[in-house]
N, C-alpha and C. Protein backbone atom coordinates (compact mmCIF):
# COMPACT_ATOMS: atom_id res chain seq x y z
N MET A 1 16.78 109.64 38.95
CA MET A 1 16.79 109.73 37.32
C MET A 1 16.35 108.51 37.02
N LYS A 2 16.85 107.73 37.52
CA LYS A 2 16.22 106.44 36.73
C LYS A 2 15.28 105.74 36.45
N GLU A 3 14.87 106.00 37.85
CA GLU A 3 13.32 105.68 38.07
C GLU A 3 12.12 105.96 37.66
N ARG A 4 11.97 107.72 37.37
CA ARG A 4 11.28 108.13 36.68
C ARG A 4 11.56 108.46 35.34
N ASP A 5 13.02 107.96 35.09
CA ASP A 5 12.71 107.96 33.17
C ASP A 5 13.30 106.64 32.47
N GLY A 6 13.36 105.85 33.57
CA GLY A 6 12.82 104.53 33.14
C GLY A 6 14.75 103.80 32.96
N GLN A 7 14.99 102.71 33.23
CA GLN A 7 16.09 102.38 33.00
C GLN A 7 17.36 103.12 31.47
N ASP A 8 16.46 102.82 30.73
CA ASP A 8 16.98 103.18 29.43
C ASP A 8 17.13 104.77 29.08
N GLY A 9 16.82 105.35 30.02
CA GLY A 9 16.78 107.43 29.44
C GLY A 9 15.22 107.63 28.96
N ARG A 10 14.22 106.89 28.10
CA ARG A 10 14.32 107.37 27.27
C ARG A 10 12.74 108.76 27.63
N GLY A 11 12.80 108.37 28.89
CA GLY A 11 11.48 109.71 29.53
C GLY A 11 12.89 111.19 29.30
N ARG A 12 13.51 111.10 28.58
CA ARG A 12 14.70 112.17 29.42
C ARG A 12 15.06 112.92 28.15
N GLN A 13 14.91 111.41 27.49
CA GLN A 13 15.08 111.83 25.42
C GLN A 13 13.32 112.40 24.89
N GLU A 14 12.73 111.37 25.44
CA GLU A 14 10.98 112.44 24.92
C GLU A 14 11.08 113.74 25.78
N ARG A 15 11.53 113.93 26.70
CA ARG A 15 11.18 115.73 26.83
C ARG A 15 12.46 116.12 26.61
N ALA A 16 13.31 116.27 25.74
CA ALA A 16 14.51 116.66 24.77
C ALA A 16 13.73 116.57 23.56
N ASP A 17 13.47 115.71 23.26
CA ASP A 17 12.69 116.02 21.81
C ASP A 17 11.27 116.36 21.92
N ALA A 18 10.80 116.65 22.90
CA ALA A 18 9.41 117.64 22.79
C ALA A 18 9.78 119.20 22.88
N VAL A 19 10.66 118.69 24.28
CA VAL A 19 11.69 120.73 23.57
C VAL A 19 11.71 120.97 22.55
N ASP A 20 12.93 120.11 21.39
CA ASP A 20 13.13 120.20 20.04
C ASP A 20 12.42 120.73 19.31
N ARG A 21 11.00 119.79 18.81
CA ARG A 21 9.34 120.16 18.62
C ARG A 21 9.55 121.25 19.00
N GLU A 22 9.06 121.65 19.72
CA GLU A 22 8.58 122.88 20.06
C GLU A 22 9.21 124.06 19.96
N MET A 23 10.09 124.18 19.99
CA MET A 23 11.91 125.15 19.56
C MET A 23 11.49 125.72 18.04
N ALA A 24 11.10 124.14 17.65
CA ALA A 24 11.44 124.71 15.50
C ALA A 24 10.00 124.95 15.13
N ALA A 25 8.23 124.50 16.09
CA ALA A 25 7.55 125.74 16.27
C ALA A 25 7.05 127.19 16.47
N ARG A 26 8.75 127.85 16.91
CA ARG A 26 8.69 129.09 17.39
C ARG A 26 10.24 129.06 16.65
N LEU A 27 10.83 129.63 15.98
CA LEU A 27 11.16 130.08 14.65
C LEU A 27 11.56 130.80 15.11
N LEU A 28 12.92 131.95 16.20
CA LEU A 28 13.16 133.40 15.86
C LEU A 28 13.49 134.21 14.91
N PRO A 29 13.22 135.62 15.56
CA PRO A 29 12.50 136.23 14.70
C PRO A 29 13.76 136.81 13.60
N ASP A 30 13.44 137.12 12.52
CA ASP A 30 14.44 137.52 11.99
C ASP A 30 15.66 138.64 12.27
N ALA A 31 15.55 139.33 13.39
CA ALA A 31 16.27 140.78 13.98
C ALA A 31 17.14 139.63 14.94
N VAL A 32 16.65 138.62 15.84
CA VAL A 32 17.53 137.85 16.01
C VAL A 32 18.77 136.66 15.54
N VAL A 33 18.22 135.94 13.79
CA VAL A 33 18.78 135.84 13.38
C VAL A 33 19.74 136.52 12.86
N ARG A 34 19.49 137.77 12.67
CA ARG A 34 20.80 138.48 12.45
C ARG A 34 21.69 138.76 13.10
N ALA A 35 20.32 139.68 14.20
CA ALA A 35 22.13 139.32 15.55
C ALA A 35 23.10 138.52 15.41
N LEU A 36 22.39 136.85 15.36
CA LEU A 36 23.31 136.09 16.05
C LEU A 36 24.34 136.20 15.16
N GLY A 37 24.15 136.36 13.35
CA GLY A 37 25.08 136.14 12.75
C GLY A 37 26.26 137.44 12.77
N HIS A 38 25.33 138.98 13.04
CA HIS A 38 26.21 140.02 13.12
C HIS A 38 27.29 139.49 14.47
N TRP A 39 27.21 138.59 15.13
CA TRP A 39 28.28 138.40 16.24
C TRP A 39 29.22 137.04 15.94
N TRP A 40 28.49 135.93 15.36
CA TRP A 40 29.31 135.17 15.00
C TRP A 40 30.24 136.22 13.49
N GLU A 41 29.85 137.21 12.86
CA GLU A 41 31.10 137.55 12.34
C GLU A 41 32.24 138.11 13.19
N VAL A 42 31.40 139.14 14.25
CA VAL A 42 32.38 138.88 14.65
C VAL A 42 33.14 138.05 15.36
N ASN A 43 32.93 137.74 16.53
CA ASN A 43 33.64 136.84 17.26
C ASN A 43 34.01 134.98 16.48
N ALA A 44 34.13 135.73 15.34
CA ALA A 44 34.59 133.72 14.52
C ALA A 44 36.11 133.53 14.72
N SER A 45 36.54 134.20 14.90
CA SER A 45 38.36 134.47 14.48
C SER A 45 38.57 134.28 16.37
N ALA A 46 38.07 133.96 17.00
CA ALA A 46 37.92 133.85 17.95
C ALA A 46 38.47 132.41 18.47
N TYR A 47 38.03 131.61 17.50
CA TYR A 47 37.53 129.43 17.70
C TYR A 47 38.32 129.41 15.56
N ALA A 48 39.95 128.90 16.03
CA ALA A 48 40.10 128.90 15.34
C ALA A 48 40.02 128.38 14.41
N ASP A 49 38.73 127.18 14.80
CA ASP A 49 38.40 125.79 13.91
C ASP A 49 36.74 126.00 13.77
N GLY A 50 36.67 127.29 13.82
CA GLY A 50 35.32 127.40 13.30
C GLY A 50 34.21 127.88 13.69
N THR A 51 34.32 127.05 15.68
CA THR A 51 33.32 126.67 16.16
C THR A 51 33.91 126.58 17.63
N PRO A 52 33.15 126.92 18.89
CA PRO A 52 32.93 127.60 20.28
C PRO A 52 33.48 125.93 20.56
N GLY A 53 35.13 125.59 20.96
CA GLY A 53 35.46 124.42 20.72
C GLY A 53 35.48 123.96 22.44
N ALA A 54 35.75 124.74 23.14
CA ALA A 54 35.16 124.13 24.70
C ALA A 54 34.17 124.08 25.05
N HIS A 55 33.03 123.99 23.48
CA HIS A 55 31.95 124.07 24.42
C HIS A 55 31.33 122.61 24.50
N ALA A 56 30.85 121.76 25.49
CA ALA A 56 30.45 120.55 25.41
C ALA A 56 29.45 119.86 25.72
N ILE A 57 28.92 118.88 25.46
CA ILE A 57 27.69 118.16 26.11
C ILE A 57 27.39 117.00 26.69
N ARG A 58 27.02 116.64 27.58
CA ARG A 58 26.82 115.48 27.88
C ARG A 58 25.63 114.33 27.71
N TYR A 59 26.23 113.60 27.31
CA TYR A 59 25.84 111.87 26.59
C TYR A 59 25.43 111.08 27.23
N THR A 60 25.17 109.74 26.84
CA THR A 60 25.13 108.62 28.15
C THR A 60 25.40 107.59 26.51
N PRO A 61 27.12 107.18 26.46
CA PRO A 61 27.83 105.85 26.05
C PRO A 61 27.28 105.11 25.74
N SER A 62 26.27 104.39 26.82
CA SER A 62 26.04 103.01 26.68
C SER A 62 24.41 103.24 25.42
N ARG A 63 24.07 104.12 25.10
CA ARG A 63 22.95 104.63 24.67
C ARG A 63 23.22 104.77 23.40
N TRP A 64 24.67 104.31 22.99
CA TRP A 64 25.47 105.01 21.35
C TRP A 64 26.27 103.26 21.81
N ALA A 65 26.13 102.65 21.33
CA ALA A 65 27.01 101.57 21.75
C ALA A 65 27.00 100.62 20.15
N GLN A 66 26.39 101.15 19.41
CA GLN A 66 25.51 100.68 18.72
C GLN A 66 26.63 101.00 17.13
N ILE A 67 27.29 101.90 17.95
CA ILE A 67 28.23 102.68 16.75
C ILE A 67 29.25 101.88 16.43
N VAL A 68 29.89 101.61 15.93
CA VAL A 68 30.96 100.81 15.63
C VAL A 68 31.76 101.49 13.91
N PRO A 69 33.00 101.79 14.06
CA PRO A 69 33.73 101.25 15.27
C PRO A 69 33.62 102.88 16.15
N TRP A 70 33.67 102.49 17.55
CA TRP A 70 33.74 103.75 18.67
C TRP A 70 34.94 104.58 18.77
N PRO A 71 35.27 105.38 18.36
CA PRO A 71 35.59 106.47 18.42
C PRO A 71 36.65 106.35 20.30
N LYS A 72 38.25 106.32 20.12
CA LYS A 72 38.96 105.68 21.39
C LYS A 72 38.27 107.30 22.22
N ALA A 73 38.28 107.92 22.03
CA ALA A 73 38.66 109.19 22.31
C ALA A 73 37.27 109.85 23.46
N LEU A 74 35.95 108.40 23.14
CA LEU A 74 35.56 109.13 24.07
C LEU A 74 35.44 108.14 24.65
N ALA A 75 33.96 108.58 26.24
CA ALA A 75 33.99 107.50 27.45
C ALA A 75 33.63 105.89 26.50
N PRO A 76 34.10 104.93 27.39
CA PRO A 76 33.44 103.63 26.50
C PRO A 76 32.61 103.54 26.22
N ALA A 77 31.78 102.52 25.10
CA ALA A 77 30.98 102.77 24.95
C ALA A 77 29.33 102.34 26.31
N SER A 78 30.30 100.89 27.17
CA SER A 78 29.57 100.24 28.52
C SER A 78 29.58 101.01 29.76
N ALA A 79 30.51 102.05 29.44
CA ALA A 79 30.65 103.18 31.17
C ALA A 79 29.13 103.33 31.26
N GLY A 80 28.97 103.53 32.49
CA GLY A 80 27.35 103.87 33.25
C GLY A 80 26.73 105.62 33.24
N GLY A 81 26.50 105.69 33.20
CA GLY A 81 26.05 106.84 33.41
C GLY A 81 26.61 107.76 32.24
N ASP A 82 26.33 109.48 32.47
CA ASP A 82 26.63 110.11 31.33
C ASP A 82 28.37 110.40 31.42
N ALA A 83 28.68 110.69 30.31
CA ALA A 83 30.00 111.85 30.01
C ALA A 83 28.85 112.95 29.20
N ALA A 84 31.03 113.55 29.06
CA ALA A 84 30.47 115.17 27.92
C ALA A 84 32.26 114.79 27.28
N VAL A 85 31.35 115.62 25.63
CA VAL A 85 32.52 115.44 25.18
C VAL A 85 32.07 116.92 24.20
N SER A 86 33.47 117.84 24.08
CA SER A 86 33.45 119.29 23.25
C SER A 86 32.92 118.85 21.68
N ARG A 87 32.71 120.22 20.95
CA ARG A 87 33.26 119.95 20.10
C ARG A 87 34.56 120.21 19.69
N ALA A 88 35.72 120.76 19.82
CA ALA A 88 37.05 120.48 19.81
C ALA A 88 37.11 118.86 19.10
N GLU A 89 36.25 117.79 20.91
CA GLU A 89 36.81 116.30 20.54
C GLU A 89 36.26 116.06 19.11
N VAL A 90 35.54 116.47 18.79
CA VAL A 90 34.08 115.74 18.37
C VAL A 90 35.04 116.05 16.42
N ALA A 91 35.31 117.60 16.30
CA ALA A 91 36.38 117.39 15.17
C ALA A 91 37.47 116.68 15.40
């Protein structure tokens, strides 16, 4: 991946940013937004903290090294490669 994305992973971030822009330009239909709202009303009680805590995302700690103080619960900012963090861990 590093060869295609460059040493700092900018290629991957640029692609993710392009997807975000495209998604913002193609908003969900009102019926879908209402359906999601209904789903949350029905399922919110399953998540005591109000969020799907088990959901995790991948991140590259070294790209966030400028954040101080660095949370001890996260992978070290100097770690190479990717790590994962869940919504519950963030909260």
